[in-house]
Protein backbone atom coordinates (compact mmCIF):
# COMPACT_ATOMS: atom_id res chain seq x y z
CA MET A 1 -0.09 -0.07 -0.13
CA THR A 2 1.34 3.64 -0.99
CA GLU A 3 1.67 6.18 1.86
CA GLN A 4 -0.94 8.59 0.18
CA ALA A 5 -3.87 6.28 0.84
CA PRO A 6 -3.77 6.52 4.43
CA PHE A 7 -2.65 10.04 4.34
CA THR A 8 -5.46 11.05 2.57
CA LEU A 9 -8.33 9.17 4.24
CA ARG A 10 -7.47 10.15 7.68
CA GLY A 11 -8.68 13.54 8.62
CA ARG A 12 -6.77 16.51 8.32
CA ASN A 13 -6.67 20.15 9.53
CA PRO A 14 -6.70 22.26 7.56
CA ASP A 15 -8.94 20.78 4.84
CA VAL A 16 -8.10 22.07 1.70
CA LEU A 17 -11.78 21.92 0.15
CA THR A 18 -12.85 24.60 3.12
CA CYS A 19 -10.42 26.99 1.53
CA ILE A 20 -11.44 27.11 -1.99
CA ALA A 21 -13.30 29.93 -3.14
CA ASN A 22 -16.45 29.68 -4.94
CA LEU A 23 -16.30 30.13 -8.81
CA SER A 24 -19.91 32.06 -8.96
CA ASN A 25 -23.00 31.85 -7.29
CA ASP A 26 -24.60 29.58 -9.92
CA GLU A 27 -21.29 27.10 -9.29
CA VAL A 28 -21.06 26.96 -5.26
CA PHE A 29 -18.54 24.72 -3.62
CA THR A 30 -20.23 22.41 -1.10
CA PRO A 31 -18.38 22.73 2.36
CA PRO A 32 -17.36 19.51 3.67
CA ASP A 33 -19.52 20.21 7.13
CA PHE A 34 -22.38 20.73 4.87
CA ALA A 35 -21.66 17.73 2.86
CA ASN A 36 -21.34 15.52 6.10
CA ARG A 37 -24.88 17.05 7.59
CA MET A 38 -26.36 15.53 4.08
CA LEU A 39 -24.44 12.19 4.34
CA ASP A 40 -25.83 12.18 8.25
CA THR A 41 -29.12 12.39 7.26
CA LEU A 42 -28.63 9.83 4.32
CA GLY A 43 -27.10 7.44 7.15
CA GLU A 44 -30.04 7.74 9.49
CA ALA A 45 -32.77 7.16 6.91
CA TRP A 46 -30.82 4.13 5.52
CA ALA A 47 -30.52 2.61 8.80
CA ALA A 48 -34.49 3.45 9.71
CA ALA A 49 -35.44 1.56 6.57
CA ASN A 50 -32.89 -1.37 7.06
CA ASN A 51 -32.96 -2.44 10.32
CA GLY A 52 -30.70 -0.27 11.58
CA ALA A 53 -28.28 -1.34 9.09
CA ASP A 54 -25.04 0.65 8.54
CA ILE A 55 -25.01 2.28 5.12
CA TRP A 56 -21.18 2.73 4.98
CA SER A 57 -20.83 -0.75 6.06
CA ASP A 58 -22.27 -2.28 2.94
CA ILE A 59 -20.27 -3.17 0.51
CA SER A 60 -22.39 -3.09 -2.80
CA VAL A 61 -23.90 0.08 -2.25
CA ARG A 62 -23.57 2.41 -5.04
CA PHE A 63 -23.08 6.01 -5.09
CA LEU A 64 -23.39 8.98 -7.80
CA ASP A 65 -22.71 12.35 -7.69
CA PRO A 66 -24.13 13.87 -11.16
CA CYS A 67 -22.50 17.25 -10.67
CA THR A 68 -19.57 17.09 -8.91
CA LYS A 69 -17.42 19.91 -8.26
CA SER A 70 -14.74 19.82 -5.65
CA GLY A 71 -15.17 16.09 -5.36
CA VAL A 72 -16.44 16.79 -1.61
CA PHE A 73 -19.76 14.52 -1.41
CA LEU A 74 -17.28 11.70 -3.15
CA ARG A 75 -14.66 12.00 -0.90
CA GLU A 76 -16.23 12.16 2.37
CA ILE A 77 -18.27 8.90 1.24
CA VAL A 78 -14.92 7.27 0.54
CA ARG A 79 -13.93 8.13 3.98
CA ARG A 80 -16.93 6.47 5.79
CA LEU A 81 -16.97 3.45 3.30
CA ASN A 82 -12.79 2.83 3.96
CA LYS A 83 -13.84 2.99 8.26
CA GLY A 84 -16.97 0.90 7.80
CA LEU A 85 -15.87 -1.86 5.48
CA ALA A 86 -12.31 -2.49 7.19
CA ALA A 87 -13.76 -5.65 8.85
CA GLN A 88 -14.85 -7.05 5.86
CA ILE A 89 -12.09 -5.97 3.65
CA PRO A 90 -9.10 -5.50 6.11
CA ASP A 91 -6.31 -4.97 3.15
CA LEU A 92 -6.18 -1.19 2.72
CA GLN A 93 -5.10 -1.24 -0.58
CA LYS A 94 -7.85 -3.67 -1.98
CA ARG A 95 -10.34 -1.69 0.37
CA VAL A 96 -9.42 1.72 -1.57
CA ASP A 97 -9.69 -0.16 -4.72
CA HIS A 98 -13.21 -1.61 -4.29
CA ILE A 99 -14.52 1.63 -2.98
CA LEU A 100 -13.45 3.81 -5.71
CA THR A 101 -13.82 1.30 -8.71
CA LYS A 102 -17.03 -0.45 -7.78
CA GLN A 103 -19.10 1.82 -5.44
CA VAL A 104 -18.42 5.93 -6.00
CA PHE A 105 -18.93 7.55 -9.51
CA GLY A 106 -19.21 11.51 -10.47
CA ILE A 107 -19.83 13.66 -13.32
CA GLY A 108 -17.66 16.73 -13.63
CA ILE A 109 -19.61 20.03 -14.55
CA THR A 110 -16.49 21.47 -16.32
CA TYR A 111 -13.33 20.34 -17.01
CA LEU A 112 -11.86 22.42 -14.20
CA THR A 113 -14.00 21.00 -11.46
CA SER A 114 -13.38 17.28 -13.08
CA LEU A 115 -9.59 17.39 -12.36
CA LEU A 116 -10.58 19.14 -8.96
CA ALA A 117 -12.72 16.01 -8.15
CA ARG A 118 -10.26 13.43 -9.25
CA ARG A 119 -7.45 15.13 -6.91
CA SER A 120 -9.59 14.86 -3.93
CA LEU A 121 -10.96 11.26 -4.62
CA TYR A 122 -7.44 9.72 -6.10
CA CYS A 123 -5.11 12.16 -5.11
CA SER A 124 -4.36 12.65 -8.60
CA LYS A 125 -5.84 14.60 -11.39
CA HIS A 126 -5.01 11.34 -13.28
CA ALA A 127 -6.87 7.99 -11.63
CA ASN A 128 -4.40 5.70 -13.27
CA GLY A 129 -1.41 7.85 -12.81
CA PRO A 130 1.66 6.81 -10.11
CA HIS A 131 0.24 8.98 -7.49
CA SER A 132 -3.30 7.96 -7.49
CA ILE A 133 -4.21 5.86 -4.51
CA ALA A 134 -6.29 3.71 -6.74
CA LYS A 135 -4.26 0.94 -8.52
CA SER A 136 -6.83 -0.58 -10.70
CA PHE A 137 -8.00 1.87 -12.91
CA LYS A 138 -7.02 1.47 -17.03
CA ASN A 139 -8.47 4.99 -18.00
CA ASP A 140 -7.21 8.57 -16.92
CA ALA A 141 -10.72 10.04 -15.77
CA GLY A 142 -11.12 6.99 -13.07
CA ASN A 143 -14.95 6.89 -12.29
CA VAL A 144 -15.00 10.88 -12.28
CA TRP A 145 -16.22 11.48 -16.22
CA PHE A 146 -16.26 14.62 -17.90
CA GLU A 147 -16.43 15.33 -21.59
CA ARG A 148 -17.34 18.67 -23.22
CA MET A 149 -20.52 18.93 -24.70
CA GLN A 150 -22.67 21.51 -27.00
CA HIS A 151 -25.96 22.76 -26.56
CA THR A 152 -28.81 21.78 -28.60
CA TRP A 153 -30.01 25.42 -30.01
CA ALA A 154 -33.33 25.95 -31.15
CA ASP A 155 -34.67 29.62 -31.76
CA GLY A 156 -31.56 31.06 -29.42
CA LYS A 157 -32.05 28.63 -26.78
CA CYS A 158 -30.80 25.24 -25.49
CA LYS A 159 -33.72 22.73 -25.84
CA PHE A 160 -32.57 21.05 -22.84
CA CYS A 161 -31.30 23.72 -20.21
CA GLY A 162 -32.89 26.86 -21.91
CA ALA A 163 -29.54 28.77 -21.94
CA SER A 164 -29.02 31.21 -24.06
CA GLN A 165 -27.02 30.54 -27.84
CA LYS A 166 -26.06 34.31 -27.56
CA THR A 167 -24.16 33.90 -24.45
CA LEU A 168 -22.87 30.17 -24.45
CA GLU A 169 -22.40 29.53 -27.91
CA ARG A 170 -18.74 29.36 -27.72
CA ASP A 171 -15.55 28.10 -29.40
CA GLN A 172 -13.28 24.91 -28.37
CA ALA A 173 -11.20 27.29 -25.76
CA LEU A 174 -14.18 28.32 -23.56
CA GLU A 175 -16.44 26.28 -21.21
CA THR A 176 -20.25 25.78 -22.79
CA HIS A 177 -21.98 24.75 -19.44
CA ALA A 178 -23.88 22.21 -21.14
CA TYR A 179 -23.86 19.75 -18.29
CA ALA A 180 -24.02 16.03 -19.56
CA PHE A 181 -26.78 15.29 -16.80
CA ILE A 182 -29.42 17.19 -18.43
CA HIS A 183 -28.40 17.36 -22.03
CA THR A 184 -30.20 14.05 -23.03
CA ASN A 185 -33.50 12.55 -23.34
CA ASP A 186 -32.82 9.09 -22.20
CA ILE A 187 -30.89 9.30 -18.94
CA LYS A 188 -30.44 5.84 -18.64
CA ALA A 189 -28.67 5.09 -21.72
CA ARG A 190 -26.68 8.02 -21.30
CA MET A 191 -25.31 6.43 -17.86
CA ARG A 192 -24.74 3.46 -19.59
CA GLU A 193 -22.68 5.34 -22.25
CA ILE A 194 -20.32 6.98 -19.87
CA PHE A 195 -19.96 4.12 -17.20
CA GLY A 196 -20.60 1.02 -19.35
CA GLY A 197 -23.02 -1.77 -18.44
CA ASP A 198 -26.24 -1.15 -16.79
CA MET A 199 -25.76 1.07 -14.16
CA GLN A 200 -28.18 1.05 -11.19
CA PHE A 201 -27.30 3.69 -8.47
CA ASP A 202 -28.81 3.61 -4.76
CA VAL A 203 -27.91 6.92 -3.93
CA ILE A 204 -27.51 9.59 -6.02
CA ILE A 205 -26.20 13.01 -3.92
CA GLY A 206 -24.66 15.96 -4.67
CA ASN A 207 -25.14 20.00 -5.28
CA PRO A 208 -26.18 21.05 -8.96
CA PRO A 209 -25.53 24.41 -10.78
CA TYR A 210 -28.37 26.33 -10.14
CA GLN A 211 -28.95 28.71 -13.03
CA LEU A 212 -27.71 29.56 -16.30
CA ASN A 213 -28.24 33.10 -18.23
CA ASP A 214 -31.35 32.48 -20.53
CA GLY A 215 -30.69 35.65 -23.12
CA GLY A 216 -33.75 37.79 -20.98
CA HIS A 217 -33.25 41.45 -20.16
CA GLY A 218 -30.04 42.54 -18.44
CA THR A 219 -28.88 39.39 -16.18
CA SER A 220 -31.89 37.31 -16.47
CA ALA A 221 -31.05 33.97 -15.66
CA ALA A 222 -33.12 30.59 -15.93
CA PRO A 223 -33.31 27.89 -13.04
CA ILE A 224 -31.38 24.68 -14.16
CA TYR A 225 -31.84 22.68 -10.43
CA GLN A 226 -34.91 21.37 -11.19
CA LEU A 227 -33.51 19.76 -14.37
CA PHE A 228 -31.01 17.54 -11.86
CA VAL A 229 -33.72 16.54 -9.61
CA GLU A 230 -36.04 15.38 -12.50
CA GLN A 231 -33.36 13.66 -14.42
CA ALA A 232 -31.93 11.75 -10.84
CA LYS A 233 -35.63 10.59 -10.11
CA LYS A 234 -35.66 8.97 -13.91
CA LEU A 235 -32.73 7.07 -12.56
CA GLU A 236 -34.81 5.56 -9.88
CA PRO A 237 -32.19 5.57 -7.03
CA ARG A 238 -33.07 4.40 -3.64
CA TYR A 239 -32.37 7.60 -2.13
CA LEU A 240 -31.52 11.31 -3.46
CA SER A 241 -30.47 13.99 -1.94
CA LEU A 242 -29.46 17.62 -3.31
CA VAL A 243 -28.65 20.98 -2.40
CA ILE A 244 -31.23 23.57 -4.12
CA PRO A 245 -32.20 26.85 -3.35
CA SER A 246 -35.42 27.36 -1.66
CA ARG A 247 -36.71 29.66 -3.58
CA TRP A 248 -38.73 26.46 -5.48
CA PHE A 249 -41.48 26.49 -2.44
CA ALA A 250 -43.61 29.52 -3.61
CA GLY A 251 -42.12 31.00 -7.02
CA GLY A 252 -39.07 30.87 -9.14
CA LYS A 253 -39.21 31.58 -12.96
CA GLY A 254 -40.65 28.68 -14.83
CA LEU A 255 -40.94 26.27 -11.87
CA ASP A 256 -44.95 25.84 -11.31
CA GLU A 257 -44.68 22.06 -13.11
CA PHE A 258 -41.76 21.42 -10.97
CA ARG A 259 -42.82 22.58 -7.67
CA GLU A 260 -46.31 20.78 -8.64
CA ALA A 261 -44.48 17.42 -8.97
CA MET A 262 -42.40 18.02 -6.11
CA LEU A 263 -45.45 19.06 -3.58
CA ALA A 264 -47.58 16.04 -5.21
CA ASP A 265 -44.43 13.41 -4.58
CA ASN A 266 -44.66 11.85 -0.96
CA ARG A 267 -41.42 10.54 -1.26
CA THR A 268 -39.44 13.57 -0.14
CA ARG A 269 -39.15 12.55 3.51
CA VAL A 270 -36.57 15.20 4.73
CA ILE A 271 -36.25 19.00 4.22
CA HIS A 272 -33.61 20.83 6.05
CA ASP A 273 -34.15 24.47 5.02
CA TYR A 274 -31.63 27.38 5.84
CA TRP A 275 -33.33 30.91 5.42
CA LEU A 276 -29.28 32.41 5.56
CA VAL A 277 -26.94 30.83 2.86
CA GLY A 278 -24.10 31.85 4.88
CA GLU A 279 -24.79 29.40 7.60
CA ALA A 280 -24.83 26.91 4.89
CA PHE A 281 -22.37 28.40 2.33
CA PRO A 282 -20.12 31.12 3.91
CA GLY A 283 -19.75 34.60 1.83
CA VAL A 284 -22.30 33.15 -0.85
CA ALA A 285 -25.33 35.30 -1.25
CA ILE A 286 -28.71 33.70 -2.91
CA GLN A 287 -31.69 35.38 -1.79
CA GLY A 288 -34.25 33.27 -0.29
CA GLY A 289 -32.11 30.68 1.42
CA ILE A 290 -31.02 27.18 0.29
CA CYS A 291 -32.18 23.64 1.06
CA TYR A 292 -31.51 19.84 0.85
CA PHE A 293 -33.99 17.05 1.02
CA LEU A 294 -33.89 13.41 0.83
CA TRP A 295 -36.16 11.44 -1.61
CA GLU A 296 -36.85 7.60 -0.56
CA ARG A 297 -37.99 5.52 -3.43
CA GLU A 298 -39.56 3.13 -1.19
CA SER A 299 -40.69 4.85 1.77
CA PRO A 300 -43.83 7.48 0.98
CA GLY A 301 -44.93 9.35 3.51
CA HIS A 302 -45.12 12.81 5.45
CA CYS A 303 -42.24 14.69 5.30
CA GLU A 304 -39.79 16.24 8.28
CA VAL A 305 -39.18 19.90 7.92
CA VAL A 306 -36.29 21.48 9.63
CA THR A 307 -35.91 25.10 9.67
CA HIS A 308 -32.27 26.30 10.63
CA TYR A 309 -31.79 29.83 11.54
CA ASP A 310 -29.20 32.00 13.33
CA GLY A 311 -26.95 28.96 13.79
CA ARG A 312 -29.93 26.91 15.65
CA ILE A 313 -32.77 24.24 14.41
CA LEU A 314 -35.64 26.88 14.78
CA SER A 315 -38.44 24.56 14.17
CA SER A 316 -39.02 20.86 13.18
CA ALA A 317 -42.25 19.25 12.09
CA THR A 318 -43.49 16.13 10.22
CA ARG A 319 -46.18 17.09 7.60
CA PRO A 320 -47.19 16.77 4.48
CA LEU A 321 -45.79 19.01 1.70
CA MET A 322 -48.85 19.65 -0.25
CA GLU A 323 -51.51 21.08 2.25
CA PRO A 324 -55.11 21.02 0.68
CA GLY A 325 -55.90 23.94 -0.61
CA SER A 326 -52.33 25.47 -1.16
CA ASP A 327 -50.58 25.52 -4.48
CA VAL A 328 -47.11 25.93 -2.49
CA PHE A 329 -45.29 24.50 -0.20
CA ILE A 330 -45.60 26.01 3.55
CA ARG A 331 -42.09 27.07 4.57
CA TYR A 332 -42.39 28.12 8.08
CA ASN A 333 -44.02 24.90 10.45
CA GLU A 334 -45.26 27.73 12.48
CA ALA A 335 -47.69 28.97 9.96
CA VAL A 336 -49.67 25.75 9.24
CA PRO A 337 -51.68 26.20 12.19
CA ILE A 338 -52.40 29.66 11.86
CA LEU A 339 -53.32 29.13 8.06
CA LYS A 340 -55.75 26.35 9.13
CA LYS A 341 -57.01 28.52 11.96
CA ILE A 342 -57.94 31.41 9.61
CA ALA A 343 -59.39 29.14 6.76
CA ALA A 344 -61.74 27.48 9.22
CA VAL A 345 -63.22 30.84 10.62
CA GLU A 346 -63.72 31.91 7.07
CA GLN A 347 -65.26 28.83 6.30
CA ARG A 348 -67.77 28.82 9.08
CA THR A 349 -68.49 32.55 8.07
CA ASP A 350 -69.22 30.95 4.46
CA HIS A 351 -71.12 27.95 5.84
CA TYR A 352 -75.01 29.57 5.41
CA LYS A 353 -73.69 31.31 1.75
CA THR A 354 -72.43 27.60 0.27
CA LYS A 355 -72.50 24.25 1.52
CA ARG A 356 -69.35 22.58 1.50
CA THR A 357 -67.98 19.24 1.80
CA GLU A 358 -66.09 17.59 4.59
CA LYS A 359 -63.04 17.71 2.10
CA GLU A 360 -63.11 21.81 1.77
CA ASN A 361 -63.92 22.28 5.41
CA CYS A 362 -60.09 20.37 5.80
CA SER A 363 -58.55 22.65 3.09
CA LEU A 364 -56.31 25.66 3.38
CA SER A 365 -58.47 27.40 0.61
CA LEU A 366 -60.22 30.45 1.39
CA PRO A 367 -63.98 30.35 0.20
CA GLU A 368 -64.32 32.34 -3.06
CA SER A 369 -66.66 34.86 -1.24
CA GLN A 370 -63.65 35.58 1.21
CA ARG A 371 -60.76 36.30 -1.01
CA PHE A 372 -58.96 39.27 -0.44
CA ALA A 373 -57.14 38.65 -4.03
CA LYS A 374 -60.23 38.95 -5.58
CA LEU A 375 -60.27 42.99 -5.28
CA VAL A 376 -56.17 43.06 -6.21
CA SER A 377 -55.73 44.11 -9.83
CA SER A 378 -53.39 42.74 -12.48
CA ARG A 379 -50.13 43.70 -12.53
CA LYS A 380 -50.74 46.40 -15.25
CA PRO A 381 -53.91 47.73 -13.80
CA PHE A 382 -54.32 50.84 -16.46
CA GLY A 383 -52.06 49.31 -19.38
CA LEU A 384 -49.43 51.99 -18.24
CA THR A 385 -45.84 51.07 -18.24
CA SER A 386 -43.34 52.34 -15.56
CA ASN A 387 -41.65 54.48 -17.94
CA PHE A 388 -45.06 55.66 -19.24
CA LYS A 389 -44.32 59.65 -19.98
CA VAL A 390 -46.40 61.30 -17.18
CA HIS A 391 -46.86 65.24 -17.59
CA SER A 392 -46.09 67.78 -15.19
CA ILE A 393 -48.98 70.00 -15.87
CA GLU A 394 -52.82 68.89 -15.83
CA ARG A 395 -54.45 69.16 -19.49
CA LYS A 396 -57.87 68.85 -20.59
CA ASN A 397 -59.37 65.13 -19.97
CA ASP A 398 -56.26 64.22 -17.93
CA VAL A 399 -56.43 61.83 -14.46
CA ILE A 400 -54.08 61.89 -12.00
CA ALA A 401 -51.33 59.34 -12.35
CA TYR A 402 -49.16 57.86 -9.57
CA TRP A 403 -45.87 56.66 -10.51
CA ASN A 404 -42.47 55.90 -8.77
CA GLY A 405 -41.06 59.17 -9.52
CA GLY A 406 -38.24 59.78 -6.96
CA PRO A 407 -34.43 59.48 -6.95
CA GLY A 408 -33.66 55.45 -7.08
CA PHE A 409 -37.41 54.98 -6.78
CA LYS A 410 -37.92 56.40 -3.23
CA GLN A 411 -40.81 58.55 -3.54
CA ILE A 412 -44.50 58.49 -5.03
CA GLY A 413 -44.63 60.62 -7.85
CA LYS A 414 -47.60 62.41 -9.09
CA GLY A 415 -48.74 63.65 -12.53
CA TRP A 416 -51.36 63.53 -15.26
CA VAL A 417 -52.18 61.17 -17.91
CA SER A 418 -54.93 61.47 -20.69
CA ARG A 419 -57.89 59.42 -20.61
CA ALA A 420 -57.51 58.16 -23.65
CA ASP A 421 -54.01 56.78 -22.61
CA VAL A 422 -55.78 54.19 -20.26
CA THR A 423 -56.40 50.88 -20.94
CA GLY A 424 -56.91 47.97 -18.92
CA GLU A 425 -59.63 48.51 -15.64
CA SER A 426 -60.57 51.96 -16.74
CA GLN A 427 -63.71 51.08 -14.47
CA LEU A 428 -61.58 51.79 -11.42
CA ILE A 429 -60.68 55.49 -12.91
CA ASP A 430 -63.56 57.25 -10.97
CA ARG A 431 -63.90 54.98 -8.01
CA TRP A 432 -62.06 54.70 -4.17
CA LYS A 433 -59.11 52.29 -4.53
CA VAL A 434 -55.97 51.61 -2.98
CA PHE A 435 -52.29 51.57 -4.49
CA ILE A 436 -49.29 49.53 -3.44
CA GLY A 437 -46.16 48.93 -4.90
CA ARG A 438 -46.20 45.73 -7.52
CA ALA A 439 -42.84 44.93 -6.29
CA TYR A 440 -40.87 45.06 -2.46
CA GLY A 441 -37.20 44.55 -1.92
CA ASP A 442 -37.57 43.91 1.99
CA ARG A 443 -34.02 44.10 3.13
CA GLY A 444 -35.57 42.87 6.53
CA GLY A 445 -34.20 43.99 10.06
CA GLY A 446 -31.59 46.37 10.69
CA GLY A 447 -30.90 46.44 6.64
CA ALA A 448 -29.94 43.11 6.71
CA SER A 449 -30.65 40.24 3.99
CA ARG A 450 -34.30 39.87 3.25
CA ASP A 451 -34.45 36.43 4.93
CA THR A 452 -33.82 38.01 7.96
CA PRO A 453 -36.55 38.73 10.30
CA PRO A 454 -38.22 41.11 10.94
CA LYS A 455 -39.48 41.75 7.84
CA ALA A 456 -41.71 44.39 6.06
CA VAL A 457 -42.92 42.16 3.06
CA LEU A 458 -44.78 44.71 1.76
CA GLY A 459 -44.39 48.97 0.71
CA GLN A 460 -46.95 50.84 2.33
CA PRO A 461 -50.29 51.42 0.80
CA PHE A 462 -52.02 54.71 0.03
CA VAL A 463 -55.65 55.86 -1.05
CA GLY A 464 -56.35 56.50 -4.86
CA GLU A 465 -58.88 58.81 -5.24
CA PRO A 466 -61.73 59.07 -7.97
CA GLY A 467 -60.14 60.37 -11.12
CA SER A 468 -56.55 58.50 -10.56
CA VAL A 469 -54.69 55.61 -11.97
CA CYS A 470 -51.22 54.28 -11.67
CA THR A 471 -48.30 52.83 -13.66
CA GLU A 472 -47.55 48.91 -13.55
CA THR A 473 -45.04 50.36 -10.46
CA TYR A 474 -48.48 49.92 -8.53
CA ILE A 475 -51.11 47.50 -8.52
CA SER A 476 -54.61 48.39 -7.53
CA ILE A 477 -57.05 47.05 -4.72
CA GLY A 478 -60.31 47.91 -4.95
CA PRO A 479 -63.13 49.67 -5.72
CA PHE A 480 -64.56 50.74 -2.63
CA LYS A 481 -67.50 52.91 -1.62
CA SER A 482 -65.92 55.51 0.14
CA GLU A 483 -62.17 57.14 1.08
CA SER A 484 -63.26 55.43 4.35
CA GLU A 485 -63.33 52.22 3.45
CA ALA A 486 -60.07 52.59 1.60
CA LYS A 487 -58.25 53.93 4.47
CA ASN A 488 -59.74 50.90 6.41
CA VAL A 489 -57.98 48.84 3.73
CA CYS A 490 -55.00 50.24 4.37
CA SER A 491 -54.86 49.50 7.98
CA TYR A 492 -55.73 46.10 7.20
CA ILE A 493 -52.57 45.99 4.80
CA SER A 494 -50.50 47.28 7.51
CA CYS A 495 -51.61 44.38 10.06
CA LYS A 496 -48.58 42.19 10.70
CA LEU A 497 -50.62 39.34 10.52
CA THR A 498 -51.84 40.50 6.91
CA ARG A 499 -48.51 40.99 5.66
CA PHE A 500 -47.44 37.43 7.24
CA LEU A 501 -49.93 35.67 5.33
CA VAL A 502 -48.76 37.34 1.75
CA MET A 503 -45.02 36.68 3.01
CA LEU A 504 -46.32 32.32 2.77
CA HIS A 505 -46.68 32.95 -0.83
CA LYS A 506 -44.35 35.67 -1.66
CA PRO A 507 -40.81 34.05 -2.45
CA ALA A 508 -39.24 37.22 -4.13
CA GLN A 509 -40.16 41.07 -4.56
CA ASP A 510 -42.63 40.40 -6.89
CA ALA A 511 -45.71 41.45 -4.99
CA THR A 512 -48.50 40.86 -7.70
CA ARG A 513 -52.18 39.37 -6.96
CA LYS A 514 -51.31 35.67 -6.56
CA VAL A 515 -48.83 36.63 -3.27
CA TYR A 516 -52.50 37.62 -1.62
CA THR A 517 -53.66 34.21 -1.79
CA PHE A 518 -54.06 33.48 1.71
CA VAL A 519 -55.07 36.79 2.66
CA PRO A 520 -59.05 36.77 3.48
CA THR A 521 -60.95 40.02 3.29
CA GLN A 522 -62.67 41.92 6.38
CA ASP A 523 -65.40 44.28 6.65
CA PHE A 524 -64.11 47.22 5.64
CA SER A 525 -66.46 49.58 7.22
CA ARG A 526 -64.31 49.77 10.37
CA PRO A 527 -60.23 49.92 10.68
CA TRP A 528 -58.63 47.31 11.50
CA THR A 529 -55.50 46.00 14.02
CA ASP A 530 -53.79 43.15 14.96
CA GLU A 531 -55.12 42.71 18.17
CA LYS A 532 -58.80 42.37 16.26
CA LEU A 533 -57.45 39.83 14.01
CA TYR A 534 -55.53 37.87 16.19
CA ALA A 535 -58.95 37.87 18.25
CA LYS A 536 -60.82 36.82 15.17
CA TYR A 537 -59.24 33.80 14.23
CA GLY A 538 -58.26 32.72 18.02
CA LEU A 539 -54.13 32.62 17.68
CA THR A 540 -52.27 31.50 20.62
CA ASP A 541 -50.01 33.66 22.28
CA LYS A 542 -47.08 31.54 20.66
CA GLU A 543 -48.61 32.02 17.76
CA ILE A 544 -48.97 35.81 17.87
CA ALA A 545 -45.15 36.18 19.21
CA PHE A 546 -44.11 34.44 15.88
CA VAL A 547 -45.88 36.67 13.37
CA GLU A 548 -44.51 39.55 15.56
CA TRP A 549 -41.05 38.40 15.60
CA MET A 550 -41.14 37.50 12.00
CA ILE A 551 -42.92 41.26 10.96
CA ARG A 552 -42.07 44.62 11.66
CA PRO A 553 -44.33 47.46 12.09
CA MET A 554 -45.70 49.33 9.14
CA GLY A 555 -46.35 53.29 9.97
CA LEU A 556 -49.49 54.82 7.46
CA ASN A 557 -49.01 58.40 8.69
CA GLY A 558 -45.83 59.40 6.94
CA ASP A 559 -43.67 57.14 8.38
CA SER A 560 -41.43 54.95 5.86
CA PHE A 561 -39.18 51.62 5.79
CA ASP A 562 -35.60 52.09 4.43
CA GLU A 563 -37.08 50.37 1.18
CA ALA A 564 -39.16 51.38 -1.26
CA PRO A 565 -40.92 49.95 -4.56
CA THR A 566 -39.07 48.66 -7.33
CA ASP A 567 -39.92 48.62 -10.85
CA ASP A 568 -37.98 45.36 -11.69
CA GLY A 569 -39.68 42.95 -9.29
CA ASP A 570 -40.35 40.07 -11.03
CA ASP A 571 -36.70 38.51 -10.10
CA GLU A 572 -38.31 35.04 -10.08
């Protein structure tokens, strides 16, 4: 046995994989500590499903990292197997050869990361080189495969991943970011081509790239991590565990079908959700947080949802991923009973109006007559774009137009437009209504990340008088019979509980009609306070405390938050 293997497979400090910098926010290197948390979760699930058996002592289990970068998952798997198989294969060289040639496999996402992964795994970028700790490989790559691929272009985008042809159609000297695992219609056949034979993997684990430029406006990027999840499931492993952004819970561009499929799949048994990305990946900024999940092919059931915040486990609950009446994943365990209480009260209110089934009475869905979202306009209520030219001087047949007119979009602008220019919901022009920002960039408490409580969630609403409209900077809520009704709606939106309910359906800046899905309507002949809402829905002291912790106060008398509405809120 060479000296390299025992040196490589025992713990060392510092670990070089804790010191390398990320290439970008799209291709994040996984810290060894975090990779080991995922492997611990896998080991616990394996033991629970196999009468306490240790996965790291199983000589036949086959692992795949389909998007290996630093090689940390494969390296840590080898370290655990080397210890677990010591009794079955006492000879260290034979044991290492067996593990590296028969049990661990990887697909590099770029040429550079494939070399890095081989160096982490074999102690050499050449699997069959003189310095490699593996002595049975006949090829240079070993079981860490990489081959430069081209995208398949159609109408300016890759038909597999949606990448922009303008951005990523490159010559041979540049990386194309055409990832092999997701650029095929038949992933099982592709695995046979890459590794030879009929490859059945027991465990697929890794941290896929998150997005690629899609050729849209500015730095527009399309998510691609969901493609890795979908391809991995097609390989039918016994266990699947990937790190992905948490934004899929409720939003994300092009993720509706993926979210629906994920929430309907009751084989996702564990989700560890990290509100602050830095707690998992130091120095990385990904708004909305990240999560890792564990999917078990043979073990359907409810999911254990574990929330991590501020270096501790904030909550843990076992519950369905898809709550009846919800089209998103309820991220906060504490929010589920609150939503159930609100739905139950509103369903009782609606009881004498509509005969409801037992199934409907168990749903989080609000009765049609009780939905605040019905009052909320489309994202461009009067057909006026955010850059529509608003006049500074009133002319004949003009109406008041509100727009975001301050430097850096910090103030409400007020001008005039012709009635003839107004399209869309023109019936609202001469009615009382409420205007509120279509997008809101919440930075959280004290100017911190928007993933840090307490949050504002929405910008401040204001009353729109008869004869007024707005550009698409704002959306319109109404109509209402009087100014007092409109002011009472503003008081309702300012309540913490109202904005808490919006937050549950608002994964990013965008605050269009859909984010009001969980918000019930009220009797707006009177103003509202949180105390009145808490009493109406019977919230406990603990539930109230959570809402109060998550949401910060909103002043309606000239007070303002540090943030303001933005015109580019569609960052999903």
